[in-house]
PDB file of N, CA and C in Angstrom:
ATOM      1  N   MET A   1     -98.284 -84.972  34.486  1.00  0.00           N
ATOM      2  CA  MET A   1     -99.542 -85.267  33.822  1.00  0.00           C
ATOM      3  C   MET A   1    -100.156 -83.961  33.327  1.00  0.00           C
ATOM      4  N   ASN A   2    -100.809 -84.003  32.191  1.00  0.00           N
ATOM      5  CA  ASN A   2    -101.442 -82.848  31.581  1.00  0.00           C
ATOM      6  C   ASN A   2    -102.612 -82.352  32.444  1.00  0.00           C
ATOM      7  N   ASN A   3    -102.755 -81.030  32.557  1.00  0.00           N
ATOM      8  CA  ASN A   3    -103.836 -80.466  33.366  1.00  0.00           C
ATOM      9  C   ASN A   3    -105.208 -80.876  32.854  1.00  0.00           C
ATOM     10  N   ASP A   4    -105.383 -80.980  31.540  1.00  0.00           N
ATOM     11  CA  ASP A   4    -106.683 -81.370  30.988  1.00  0.00           C
ATOM     12  C   ASP A   4    -107.058 -82.785  31.404  1.00  0.00           C
ATOM     13  N   VAL A   5    -106.070 -83.656  31.442  1.00  0.00           N
ATOM     14  CA  VAL A   5    -106.324 -85.035  31.860  1.00  0.00           C
ATOM     15  C   VAL A   5    -106.709 -85.059  33.340  1.00  0.00           C
ATOM     16  N   LEU A   6    -105.995 -84.294  34.143  1.00  0.00           N
ATOM     17  CA  LEU A   6    -106.322 -84.236  35.571  1.00  0.00           C
ATOM     18  C   LEU A   6    -107.731 -83.687  35.782  1.00  0.00           C
ATOM     19  N   LEU A   7    -108.053 -82.616  35.080  1.00  0.00           N
ATOM     20  CA  LEU A   7    -109.366 -81.987  35.258  1.00  0.00           C
ATOM     21  C   LEU A   7    -110.499 -82.887  34.788  1.00  0.00           C
ATOM     22  N   SER A   8    -110.224 -83.742  33.808  1.00  0.00           N
ATOM     23  CA  SER A   8    -111.273 -84.638  33.319  1.00  0.00           C
ATOM     24  C   SER A   8    -111.667 -85.673  34.375  1.00  0.00           C
ATOM     25  N   GLU A   9    -110.802 -85.913  35.340  1.00  0.00           N
ATOM     26  CA  GLU A   9    -111.087 -86.876  36.409  1.00  0.00           C
ATOM     27  C   GLU A   9    -111.896 -86.256  37.550  1.00  0.00           C
ATOM     28  N   LEU A  10    -112.136 -84.945  37.489  1.00  0.00           N
ATOM     29  CA  LEU A  10    -112.810 -84.249  38.582  1.00  0.00           C
ATOM     30  C   LEU A  10    -114.284 -84.021  38.283  1.00  0.00           C
ATOM     31  N   SER A  11    -115.067 -83.951  39.343  1.00  0.00           N
ATOM     32  CA  SER A  11    -116.478 -83.586  39.198  1.00  0.00           C
ATOM     33  C   SER A  11    -116.573 -82.075  38.992  1.00  0.00           C
ATOM     34  N   ASN A  12    -117.761 -81.594  38.661  1.00  0.00           N
ATOM     35  CA  ASN A  12    -117.945 -80.161  38.446  1.00  0.00           C
ATOM     36  C   ASN A  12    -117.644 -79.360  39.706  1.00  0.00           C
ATOM     37  N   ASN A  13    -118.062 -79.859  40.854  1.00  0.00           N
ATOM     38  CA  ASN A  13    -117.774 -79.165  42.113  1.00  0.00           C
ATOM     39  C   ASN A  13    -116.275 -79.120  42.391  1.00  0.00           C
ATOM     40  N   GLU A  14    -115.589 -80.201  42.079  1.00  0.00           N
ATOM     41  CA  GLU A  14    -114.138 -80.239  42.283  1.00  0.00           C
ATOM     42  C   GLU A  14    -113.438 -79.287  41.314  1.00  0.00           C
ATOM     43  N   LYS A  15    -113.934 -79.196  40.087  1.00  0.00           N
ATOM     44  CA  LYS A  15    -113.370 -78.253  39.121  1.00  0.00           C
ATOM     45  C   LYS A  15    -113.561 -76.814  39.598  1.00  0.00           C
ATOM     46  N   LEU A  16    -114.714 -76.535  40.199  1.00  0.00           N
ATOM     47  CA  LEU A  16    -114.953 -75.198  40.753  1.00  0.00           C
ATOM     48  C   LEU A  16    -113.976 -74.906  41.891  1.00  0.00           C
ATOM     49  N   LEU A  17    -113.687 -75.915  42.690  1.00  0.00           N
ATOM     50  CA  LEU A  17    -112.729 -75.752  43.778  1.00  0.00           C
ATOM     51  C   LEU A  17    -111.334 -75.456  43.225  1.00  0.00           C
ATOM     52  N   VAL A  18    -110.949 -76.175  42.177  1.00  0.00           N
ATOM     53  CA  VAL A  18    -109.654 -75.934  41.539  1.00  0.00           C
ATOM     54  C   VAL A  18    -109.604 -74.520  40.980  1.00  0.00           C
ATOM     55  N   ASN A  19    -110.676 -74.105  40.316  1.00  0.00           N
ATOM     56  CA  ASN A  19    -110.730 -72.769  39.745  1.00  0.00           C
ATOM     57  C   ASN A  19    -110.625 -71.697  40.826  1.00  0.00           C
ATOM     58  N   SER A  20    -111.266 -71.920  41.960  1.00  0.00           N
ATOM     59  CA  SER A  20    -111.185 -70.938  43.044  1.00  0.00           C
ATOM     60  C   SER A  20    -109.770 -70.860  43.605  1.00  0.00           C
ATOM     61  N   GLN A  21    -109.063 -71.998  43.621  1.00  0.00           N
ATOM     62  CA  GLN A  21    -107.666 -71.991  44.059  1.00  0.00           C
ATOM     63  C   GLN A  21    -106.801 -71.164  43.111  1.00  0.00           C
ATOM     64  N   VAL A  22    -107.036 -71.321  41.813  1.00  0.00           N
ATOM     65  CA  VAL A  22    -106.273 -70.555  40.826  1.00  0.00           C
ATOM     66  C   VAL A  22    -106.568 -69.070  40.984  1.00  0.00           C
ATOM     67  N   GLN A  23    -107.841 -68.730  41.194  1.00  0.00           N
ATOM     68  CA  GLN A  23    -108.217 -67.326  41.355  1.00  0.00           C
ATOM     69  C   GLN A  23    -107.598 -66.715  42.606  1.00  0.00           C
ATOM     70  N   SER A  24    -107.549 -67.467  43.685  1.00  0.00           N
ATOM     71  CA  SER A  24    -107.051 -66.898  44.941  1.00  0.00           C
ATOM     72  C   SER A  24    -105.526 -66.903  45.045  1.00  0.00           C
ATOM     73  N   LYS A  25    -104.878 -67.925  44.491  1.00  0.00           N
ATOM     74  CA  LYS A  25    -103.430 -68.040  44.622  1.00  0.00           C
ATOM     75  C   LYS A  25    -102.669 -67.578  43.383  1.00  0.00           C
ATOM     76  N   GLY A  26    -103.363 -67.459  42.256  1.00  0.00           N
ATOM     77  CA  GLY A  26    -102.698 -67.112  41.011  1.00  0.00           C
ATOM     78  C   GLY A  26    -102.251 -65.664  40.976  1.00  0.00           C
ATOM     79  N   LYS A  27    -101.358 -65.381  40.070  1.00  0.00           N
ATOM     80  CA  LYS A  27    -100.857 -64.021  39.888  1.00  0.00           C
ATOM     81  C   LYS A  27    -101.809 -63.238  38.993  1.00  0.00           C
ATOM     82  N   ASN A  28    -101.846 -61.933  39.232  1.00  0.00           N
ATOM     83  CA  ASN A  28    -102.707 -61.033  38.473  1.00  0.00           C
ATOM     84  C   ASN A  28    -101.862 -60.340  37.410  1.00  0.00           C
ATOM     85  N   ILE A  29    -102.246 -60.478  36.141  1.00  0.00           N
ATOM     86  CA  ILE A  29    -101.458 -59.914  35.048  1.00  0.00           C
ATOM     87  C   ILE A  29    -101.435 -58.391  35.093  1.00  0.00           C
ATOM     88  N   VAL A  30    -102.548 -57.781  35.494  1.00  0.00           N
ATOM     89  CA  VAL A  30    -102.597 -56.316  35.573  1.00  0.00           C
ATOM     90  C   VAL A  30    -101.625 -55.821  36.637  1.00  0.00           C
ATOM     91  N   LEU A  31    -101.627 -56.466  37.772  1.00  0.00           N
ATOM     92  CA  LEU A  31    -100.717 -56.079  38.849  1.00  0.00           C
ATOM     93  C   LEU A  31     -99.263 -56.274  38.421  1.00  0.00           C
ATOM     94  N   ALA A  32     -98.976 -57.355  37.723  1.00  0.00           N
ATOM     95  CA  ALA A  32     -97.610 -57.592  37.243  1.00  0.00           C
ATOM     96  C   ALA A  32     -97.173 -56.478  36.298  1.00  0.00           C
ATOM     97  N   TYR A  33     -98.069 -56.043  35.405  1.00  0.00           N
ATOM     98  CA  TYR A  33     -97.736 -54.955  34.488  1.00  0.00           C
ATOM     99  C   TYR A  33     -97.602 -53.619  35.215  1.00  0.00           C
ATOM    100  N   VAL A  34     -98.419 -53.377  36.215  1.00  0.00           N
ATOM    101  CA  VAL A  34     -98.290 -52.137  37.001  1.00  0.00           C
ATOM    102  C   VAL A  34     -96.930 -52.109  37.695  1.00  0.00           C
ATOM    103  N   PHE A  35     -96.556 -53.219  38.315  1.00  0.00           N
ATOM    104  CA  PHE A  35     -95.240 -53.292  38.951  1.00  0.00           C
ATOM    105  C   PHE A  35     -94.126 -53.071  37.930  1.00  0.00           C
ATOM    106  N   ALA A  36     -94.243 -53.688  36.766  1.00  0.00           N
ATOM    107  CA  ALA A  36     -93.205 -53.549  35.742  1.00  0.00           C
ATOM    108  C   ALA A  36     -93.134 -52.113  35.229  1.00  0.00           C
ATOM    109  N   PHE A  37     -94.275 -51.494  35.036  1.00  0.00           N
ATOM    110  CA  PHE A  37     -94.294 -50.138  34.476  1.00  0.00           C
ATOM    111  C   PHE A  37     -93.744 -49.114  35.469  1.00  0.00           C
ATOM    112  N   PHE A  38     -94.178 -49.175  36.716  1.00  0.00           N
ATOM    113  CA  PHE A  38     -93.793 -48.159  37.685  1.00  0.00           C
ATOM    114  C   PHE A  38     -92.508 -48.491  38.451  1.00  0.00           C
ATOM    115  N   PHE A  39     -92.241 -49.769  38.658  1.00  0.00           N
ATOM    116  CA  PHE A  39     -91.093 -50.156  39.478  1.00  0.00           C
ATOM    117  C   PHE A  39     -90.184 -51.163  38.774  1.00  0.00           C
ATOM    118  N   GLY A  40     -90.264 -51.234  37.457  1.00  0.00           N
ATOM    119  CA  GLY A  40     -89.515 -52.231  36.695  1.00  0.00           C
ATOM    120  C   GLY A  40     -88.011 -52.123  36.857  1.00  0.00           C
ATOM    121  N   LEU A  41     -87.499 -50.905  36.968  1.00  0.00           N
ATOM    122  CA  LEU A  41     -86.050 -50.742  37.111  1.00  0.00           C
ATOM    123  C   LEU A  41     -85.519 -51.381  38.388  1.00  0.00           C
ATOM    124  N   PHE A  42     -86.400 -51.556  39.365  1.00  0.00           N
ATOM    125  CA  PHE A  42     -86.010 -52.157  40.631  1.00  0.00           C
ATOM    126  C   PHE A  42     -86.355 -53.645  40.706  1.00  0.00           C
ATOM    127  N   GLY A  43     -86.941 -54.195  39.650  1.00  0.00           N
ATOM    128  CA  GLY A  43     -87.246 -55.620  39.582  1.00  0.00           C
ATOM    129  C   GLY A  43     -88.430 -56.057  40.424  1.00  0.00           C
ATOM    130  N   ILE A  44     -89.287 -55.109  40.816  1.00  0.00           N
ATOM    131  CA  ILE A  44     -90.412 -55.449  41.688  1.00  0.00           C
ATOM    132  C   ILE A  44     -91.342 -56.459  41.010  1.00  0.00           C
ATOM    133  N   HIS A  45     -91.530 -56.339  39.707  1.00  0.00           N
ATOM    134  CA  HIS A  45     -92.395 -57.291  38.997  1.00  0.00           C
ATOM    135  C   HIS A  45     -91.812 -58.698  39.048  1.00  0.00           C
ATOM    136  N   ARG A  46     -90.501 -58.813  39.075  1.00  0.00           N
ATOM    137  CA  ARG A  46     -89.869 -60.123  39.176  1.00  0.00           C
ATOM    138  C   ARG A  46     -89.993 -60.684  40.588  1.00  0.00           C
ATOM    139  N   PHE A  47     -89.896 -59.823  41.594  1.00  0.00           N
ATOM    140  CA  PHE A  47     -90.163 -60.289  42.965  1.00  0.00           C
ATOM    141  C   PHE A  47     -91.584 -60.833  43.045  1.00  0.00           C
ATOM    142  N   TYR A  48     -92.542 -60.110  42.465  1.00  0.00           N
ATOM    143  CA  TYR A  48     -93.945 -60.530  42.485  1.00  0.00           C
ATOM    144  C   TYR A  48     -94.128 -61.885  41.820  1.00  0.00           C
ATOM    145  N   MET A  49     -93.413 -62.132  40.745  1.00  0.00           N
ATOM    146  CA  MET A  49     -93.550 -63.389  40.014  1.00  0.00           C
ATOM    147  C   MET A  49     -92.717 -64.520  40.615  1.00  0.00           C
ATOM    148  N   GLY A  50     -91.979 -64.237  41.683  1.00  0.00           N
ATOM    149  CA  GLY A  50     -91.195 -65.281  42.338  1.00  0.00           C
ATOM    150  C   GLY A  50     -89.829 -65.508  41.723  1.00  0.00           C
ATOM    151  N   LYS A  51     -89.388 -64.600  40.896  1.00  0.00           N
ATOM    152  CA  LYS A  51     -88.076 -64.708  40.259  1.00  0.00           C
ATOM    153  C   LYS A  51     -87.081 -63.859  41.070  1.00  0.00           C
ATOM    154  N   THR A  52     -86.809 -64.326  42.273  1.00  0.00           N
ATOM    155  CA  THR A  52     -86.103 -63.534  43.276  1.00  0.00           C
ATOM    156  C   THR A  52     -84.655 -63.228  42.893  1.00  0.00           C
ATOM    157  N   VAL A  53     -83.934 -64.198  42.384  1.00  0.00           N
ATOM    158  CA  VAL A  53     -82.512 -63.989  42.078  1.00  0.00           C
ATOM    159  C   VAL A  53     -82.341 -62.905  41.012  1.00  0.00           C
ATOM    160  N   SER A  54     -83.101 -62.997  39.931  1.00  0.00           N
ATOM    161  CA  SER A  54     -82.982 -61.987  38.882  1.00  0.00           C
ATOM    162  C   SER A  54     -83.545 -60.643  39.343  1.00  0.00           C
ATOM    163  N   ALA A  55     -84.527 -60.670  40.239  1.00  0.00           N
ATOM    164  CA  ALA A  55     -85.067 -59.418  40.784  1.00  0.00           C
ATOM    165  C   ALA A  55     -84.006 -58.709  41.612  1.00  0.00           C
ATOM    166  N   ILE A  56     -83.268 -59.466  42.410  1.00  0.00           N
ATOM    167  CA  ILE A  56     -82.192 -58.875  43.204  1.00  0.00           C
ATOM    168  C   ILE A  56     -81.113 -58.310  42.286  1.00  0.00           C
ATOM    169  N   ALA A  57     -80.815 -59.019  41.194  1.00  0.00           N
ATOM    170  CA  ALA A  57     -79.826 -58.526  40.233  1.00  0.00           C
ATOM    171  C   ALA A  57     -80.270 -57.189  39.639  1.00  0.00           C
ATOM    172  N   MET A  58     -81.539 -57.094  39.253  1.00  0.00           N
ATOM    173  CA  MET A  58     -82.045 -55.826  38.694  1.00  0.00           C
ATOM    174  C   MET A  58     -81.973 -54.715  39.739  1.00  0.00           C
ATOM    175  N   LEU A  59     -82.367 -55.031  40.940  1.00  0.00           N
ATOM    176  CA  LEU A  59     -82.348 -54.048  42.018  1.00  0.00           C
ATOM    177  C   LEU A  59     -80.926 -53.555  42.273  1.00  0.00           C
ATOM    178  N   LEU A  60     -79.987 -54.472  42.344  1.00  0.00           N
ATOM    179  CA  LEU A  60     -78.602 -54.087  42.595  1.00  0.00           C
ATOM    180  C   LEU A  60     -78.002 -53.289  41.446  1.00  0.00           C
ATOM    181  N   ILE A  61     -78.307 -53.664  40.217  1.00  0.00           N
ATOM    182  CA  ILE A  61     -77.808 -52.912  39.060  1.00  0.00           C
ATOM    183  C   ILE A  61     -78.269 -51.467  39.134  1.00  0.00           C
ATOM    184  N   THR A  62     -79.529 -51.267  39.450  1.00  0.00           N
ATOM    185  CA  THR A  62     -80.090 -49.918  39.483  1.00  0.00           C
ATOM    186  C   THR A  62     -79.585 -49.128  40.687  1.00  0.00           C
ATOM    187  N   VAL A  63     -79.617 -49.738  41.861  1.00  0.00           N
ATOM    188  CA  VAL A  63     -79.289 -49.009  43.090  1.00  0.00           C
ATOM    189  C   VAL A  63     -77.792 -48.782  43.235  1.00  0.00           C
ATOM    190  N   LEU A  64     -77.005 -49.810  43.036  1.00  0.00           N
ATOM    191  CA  LEU A  64     -75.566 -49.672  43.259  1.00  0.00           C
ATOM    192  C   LEU A  64     -74.882 -48.794  42.214  1.00  0.00           C
ATOM    193  N   SER A  65     -75.470 -48.686  41.040  1.00  0.00           N
ATOM    194  CA  SER A  65     -74.884 -47.811  40.019  1.00  0.00           C
ATOM    195  C   SER A  65     -75.432 -46.391  40.131  1.00  0.00           C
ATOM    196  N   VAL A  66     -76.217 -46.142  41.154  1.00  0.00           N
ATOM    197  CA  VAL A  66     -76.856 -44.843  41.395  1.00  0.00           C
ATOM    198  C   VAL A  66     -77.623 -44.404  40.138  1.00  0.00           C
ATOM    199  N   GLY A  67     -78.191 -45.349  39.461  1.00  0.00           N
ATOM    200  CA  GLY A  67     -79.011 -45.071  38.301  1.00  0.00           C
ATOM    201  C   GLY A  67     -78.276 -44.994  36.982  1.00  0.00           C
ATOM    202  N   PHE A  68     -76.955 -44.963  36.994  1.00  0.00           N
ATOM    203  CA  PHE A  68     -76.204 -44.833  35.739  1.00  0.00           C
ATOM    204  C   PHE A  68     -76.361 -46.056  34.844  1.00  0.00           C
ATOM    205  N   LEU A  69     -76.525 -47.217  35.429  1.00  0.00           N
ATOM    206  CA  LEU A  69     -76.717 -48.439  34.645  1.00  0.00           C
ATOM    207  C   LEU A  69     -78.187 -48.853  34.591  1.00  0.00           C
ATOM    208  N   ALA A  70     -79.065 -47.932  34.945  1.00  0.00           N
ATOM    209  CA  ALA A  70     -80.496 -48.232  34.928  1.00  0.00           C
ATOM    210  C   ALA A  70     -80.982 -48.555  33.515  1.00  0.00           C
ATOM    211  N   ILE A  71     -80.255 -48.138  32.504  1.00  0.00           N
ATOM    212  CA  ILE A  71     -80.630 -48.466  31.129  1.00  0.00           C
ATOM    213  C   ILE A  71     -80.641 -49.979  30.927  1.00  0.00           C
ATOM    214  N   ILE A  72     -79.741 -50.680  31.614  1.00  0.00           N
ATOM    215  CA  ILE A  72     -79.705 -52.142  31.519  1.00  0.00           C
ATOM    216  C   ILE A  72     -80.988 -52.720  32.111  1.00  0.00           C
ATOM    217  N   SER A  73     -81.349 -52.239  33.291  1.00  0.00           N
ATOM    218  CA  SER A  73     -82.596 -52.696  33.909  1.00  0.00           C
ATOM    219  C   SER A  73     -83.802 -52.275  33.091  1.00  0.00           C
ATOM    220  N   GLY A  74     -83.714 -51.127  32.442  1.00  0.00           N
ATOM    221  CA  GLY A  74     -84.818 -50.658  31.594  1.00  0.00           C
ATOM    222  C   GLY A  74     -85.034 -51.564  30.396  1.00  0.00           C
ATOM    223  N   ILE A  75     -83.960 -51.954  29.748  1.00  0.00           N
ATOM    224  CA  ILE A  75     -84.069 -52.875  28.610  1.00  0.00           C
ATOM    225  C   ILE A  75     -84.574 -54.229  29.094  1.00  0.00           C
ATOM    226  N   TRP A  76     -84.072 -54.660  30.221  1.00  0.00           N
ATOM    227  CA  TRP A  76     -84.493 -55.929  30.825  1.00  0.00           C
ATOM    228  C   TRP A  76     -85.993 -55.895  31.121  1.00  0.00           C
ATOM    229  N   THR A  77     -86.462 -54.789  31.672  1.00  0.00           N
ATOM    230  CA  THR A  77     -87.892 -54.637  31.960  1.00  0.00           C
ATOM    231  C   THR A  77     -88.711 -54.651  30.682  1.00  0.00           C
ATOM    232  N   PHE A  78     -88.221 -53.987  29.642  1.00  0.00           N
ATOM    233  CA  PHE A  78     -88.933 -53.972  28.359  1.00  0.00           C
ATOM    234  C   PHE A  78     -89.104 -55.389  27.820  1.00  0.00           C
ATOM    235  N   VAL A  79     -88.064 -56.187  27.898  1.00  0.00           N
ATOM    236  CA  VAL A  79     -88.153 -57.582  27.454  1.00  0.00           C
ATOM    237  C   VAL A  79     -89.154 -58.342  28.324  1.00  0.00           C
ATOM    238  N   ASP A  80     -89.124 -58.064  29.619  1.00  0.00           N
ATOM    239  CA  ASP A  80     -90.035 -58.739  30.548  1.00  0.00           C
ATOM    240  C   ASP A  80     -91.498 -58.458  30.224  1.00  0.00           C
ATOM    241  N   LEU A  81     -91.789 -57.301  29.666  1.00  0.00           N
ATOM    242  CA  LEU A  81     -93.179 -56.967  29.313  1.00  0.00           C
ATOM    243  C   LEU A  81     -93.767 -58.003  28.361  1.00  0.00           C
ATOM    244  N   PHE A  82     -92.926 -58.591  27.535  1.00  0.00           N
ATOM    245  CA  PHE A  82     -93.384 -59.620  26.606  1.00  0.00           C
ATOM    246  C   PHE A  82     -93.414 -61.009  27.247  1.00  0.00           C
ATOM    247  N   LEU A  83     -92.686 -61.178  28.350  1.00  0.00           N
ATOM    248  CA  LEU A  83     -92.614 -62.472  29.028  1.00  0.00           C
ATOM    249  C   LEU A  83     -93.679 -62.645  30.103  1.00  0.00           C
ATOM    250  N   ILE A  84     -94.194 -61.557  30.624  1.00  0.00           N
ATOM    251  CA  ILE A  84     -95.154 -61.615  31.733  1.00  0.00           C
ATOM    252  C   ILE A  84     -96.362 -62.503  31.424  1.00  0.00           C
ATOM    253  N   PRO A  85     -97.003 -62.396  30.258  1.00  0.00           N
ATOM    254  CA  PRO A  85     -98.165 -63.280  30.019  1.00  0.00           C
ATOM    255  C   PRO A  85     -97.833 -64.768  30.123  1.00  0.00           C
ATOM    256  N   ARG A  86     -96.671 -65.168  29.622  1.00  0.00           N
ATOM    257  CA  ARG A  86     -96.274 -66.576  29.714  1.00  0.00           C
ATOM    258  C   ARG A  86     -96.005 -66.963  31.163  1.00  0.00           C
ATOM    259  N   TRP A  87     -95.372 -66.069  31.928  1.00  0.00           N
ATOM    260  CA  TRP A  87     -95.127 -66.349  33.346  1.00  0.00           C
ATOM    261  C   TRP A  87     -96.436 -66.560  34.085  1.00  0.00           C
ATOM    262  N   ILE A  88     -97.419 -65.693  33.810  1.00  0.00           N
ATOM    263  CA  ILE A  88     -98.724 -65.793  34.469  1.00  0.00           C
ATOM    264  C   ILE A  88     -99.390 -67.115  34.090  1.00  0.00           C
ATOM    265  N   LYS A  89     -99.361 -67.445  32.805  1.00  0.00           N
ATOM    266  CA  LYS A  89     -99.986 -68.679  32.330  1.00  0.00           C
ATOM    267  C   LYS A  89     -99.343 -69.902  32.981  1.00  0.00           C
ATOM    268  N   ASN A  90     -98.018 -69.932  33.038  1.00  0.00           N
ATOM    269  CA  ASN A  90     -97.312 -71.066  33.641  1.00  0.00           C
ATOM    270  C   ASN A  90     -97.578 -71.164  35.137  1.00  0.00           C
ATOM    271  N   ASP A  91     -97.618 -70.022  35.816  1.00  0.00           N
ATOM    272  CA  ASP A  91     -97.868 -70.028  37.255  1.00  0.00           C
ATOM    273  C   ASP A  91     -99.285 -70.522  37.550  1.00  0.00           C
ATOM    274  N   ASN A  92    -100.250 -70.038  36.798  1.00  0.00           N
ATOM    275  CA  ASN A  92    -101.632 -70.471  37.005  1.00  0.00           C
ATOM    276  C   ASN A  92    -101.813 -71.948  36.654  1.00  0.00           C
ATOM    277  N   ALA A  93    -101.124 -72.425  35.628  1.00  0.00           N
ATOM    278  CA  ALA A  93    -101.196 -73.852  35.275  1.00  0.00           C
ATOM    279  C   ALA A  93    -100.598 -74.706  36.386  1.00  0.00           C
ATOM    280  N   ARG A  94     -99.514 -74.235  36.991  1.00  0.00           N
ATOM    281  CA  ARG A  94     -98.899 -74.964  38.104  1.00  0.00           C
ATOM    282  C   ARG A  94     -99.857 -75.044  39.289  1.00  0.00           C
ATOM    283  N   ILE A  95    -100.494 -73.928  39.617  1.00  0.00           N
ATOM    284  CA  ILE A  95    -101.445 -73.904  40.734  1.00  0.00           C
ATOM    285  C   ILE A  95    -102.626 -74.817  40.434  1.00  0.00           C
ATOM    286  N   GLU A  96    -103.118 -74.787  39.201  1.00  0.00           N
ATOM    287  CA  GLU A  96    -104.231 -75.647  38.799  1.00  0.00           C
ATOM    288  C   GLU A  96    -103.857 -77.118  38.931  1.00  0.00           C
ATOM    289  N   ARG A  97    -102.664 -77.473  38.463  1.00  0.00           N
ATOM    290  CA  ARG A  97    -102.200 -78.862  38.539  1.00  0.00           C
ATOM    291  C   ARG A  97    -102.061 -79.311  39.997  1.00  0.00           C
ATOM    292  N   GLU A  98    -101.457 -78.464  40.825  1.00  0.00           N
ATOM    293  CA  GLU A  98    -101.273 -78.827  42.232  1.00  0.00           C
ATOM    294  C   GLU A  98    -102.610 -78.996  42.947  1.00  0.00           C
ATOM    295  N   ALA A  99    -103.564 -78.106  42.660  1.00  0.00           N
ATOM    296  CA  ALA A  99    -104.879 -78.202  43.299  1.00  0.00           C
ATOM    297  C   ALA A  99    -105.609 -79.464  42.838  1.00  0.00           C
ATOM    298  N   ALA A 100    -105.552 -79.764  41.544  1.00  0.00           N
ATOM    299  CA  ALA A 100    -106.214 -80.964  41.021  1.00  0.00           C
ATOM    300  C   ALA A 100    -105.578 -82.231  41.592  1.00  0.00           C
ATOM    301  N   GLU A 101    -104.257 -82.252  41.666  1.00  0.00           N
ATOM    302  CA  GLU A 101    -103.579 -83.423  42.237  1.00  0.00           C
ATOM    303  C   GLU A 101    -103.922 -83.598  43.709  1.00  0.00           C
ATOM    304  N   ALA A 102    -104.035 -82.489  44.440  1.00  0.00           N
ATOM    305  CA  ALA A 102    -104.383 -82.576  45.857  1.00  0.00           C
ATOM    306  C   ALA A 102    -105.778 -83.171  46.031  1.00  0.00           C
ATOM    307  N   ILE A 103    -106.704 -82.787  45.168  1.00  0.00           N
ATOM    308  CA  ILE A 103    -108.066 -83.327  45.251  1.00  0.00           C
ATOM    309  C   ILE A 103    -108.072 -84.803  44.874  1.00  0.00           C
ATOM    310  N   ILE A 104    -107.396 -85.148  43.792  1.00  0.00           N
ATOM    311  CA  ILE A 104    -107.374 -86.537  43.326  1.00  0.00           C
ATOM    312  C   ILE A 104    -106.712 -87.452  44.356  1.00  0.00           C
ATOM    313  N   ASN A 105    -105.670 -86.967  45.007  1.00  0.00           N
ATOM    314  CA  ASN A 105    -104.935 -87.784  45.979  1.00  0.00           C
ATOM    315  C   ASN A 105    -105.516 -87.723  47.388  1.00  0.00           C
ATOM    316  N   ASP A 106    -106.585 -86.985  47.569  1.00  0.00           N
ATOM    317  CA  ASP A 106    -107.227 -86.876  48.895  1.00  0.00           C
ATOM    318  C   ASP A 106    -107.888 -88.192  49.268  1.00  0.00           C
ATOM    319  N   PRO A 107    -107.494 -88.807  50.376  1.00  0.00           N
ATOM    320  CA  PRO A 107    -108.099 -90.089  50.760  1.00  0.00           C
ATOM    321  C   PRO A 107    -109.595 -89.982  51.053  1.00  0.00           C
ATOM    322  N   LYS A 108    -110.050 -88.822  51.483  1.00  0.00           N
ATOM    323  CA  LYS A 108    -111.476 -88.636  51.759  1.00  0.00           C
ATOM    324  C   LYS A 108    -112.294 -88.708  50.469  1.00  0.00           C
ATOM    325  N   ARG A 109    -111.684 -88.316  49.357  1.00  0.00           N
ATOM    326  CA  ARG A 109    -112.373 -88.361  48.057  1.00  0.00           C
ATOM    327  C   ARG A 109    -112.686 -89.809  47.677  1.00  0.00           C
ATOM    328  N   ALA A 110    -111.766 -90.714  47.948  1.00  0.00           N
ATOM    329  CA  ALA A 110    -111.968 -92.128  47.614  1.00  0.00           C
ATOM    330  C   ALA A 110    -113.160 -92.693  48.376  1.00  0.00           C
ATOM    331  N   ILE A 111    -113.339 -92.244  49.597  1.00  0.00           N
ATOM    332  CA  ILE A 111    -114.480 -92.716  50.401  1.00  0.00           C
ATOM    333  C   ILE A 111    -115.791 -92.208  49.814  1.00  0.00           C
ATOM    334  N   LYS A 112    -115.803 -90.980  49.345  1.00  0.00           N
ATOM    335  CA  LYS A 112    -117.031 -90.393  48.766  1.00  0.00           C
ATOM    336  C   LYS A 112    -117.424 -91.084  47.474  1.00  0.00           C
ATOM    337  N   GLU A 113    -116.436 -91.518  46.687  1.00  0.00           N
ATOM    338  CA  GLU A 113    -116.735 -92.143  45.405  1.00  0.00           C
ATOM    339  C   GLU A 113    -117.295 -93.543  45.549  1.00  0.00           C
ATOM    340  N   VAL A 114    -117.022 -94.177  46.666  1.00  0.00           N
ATOM    341  CA  VAL A 114    -117.474 -95.572  46.878  1.00  0.00           C
ATOM    342  C   VAL A 114    -118.907 -95.638  47.173  1.00  0.00           C
TER     343      VAL A 114
END
């Protein structure tokens, strides 16, 4: 279900609760860019975003090649710089959807509405 449709079913207080969930559990774009800029060759920004398998691949490419193949991880990190905003947006939308669904499906909410 679309997040806008879910949010339209919530009261203002419930929307504030959803927003606070996104703020507390969501990823920070600045932090993701700091990780990518300073530790991108090691895939730390991918670990932060929950992309563990590809993060391990970047880490292994850099470490096991003793830096000789770090150019591959460097190019990969450069591409990731353009992908980070979409990752953040998708992650925050997922958290928003899950929080809204949890509120809508809460049995205590049905009692309050009656």
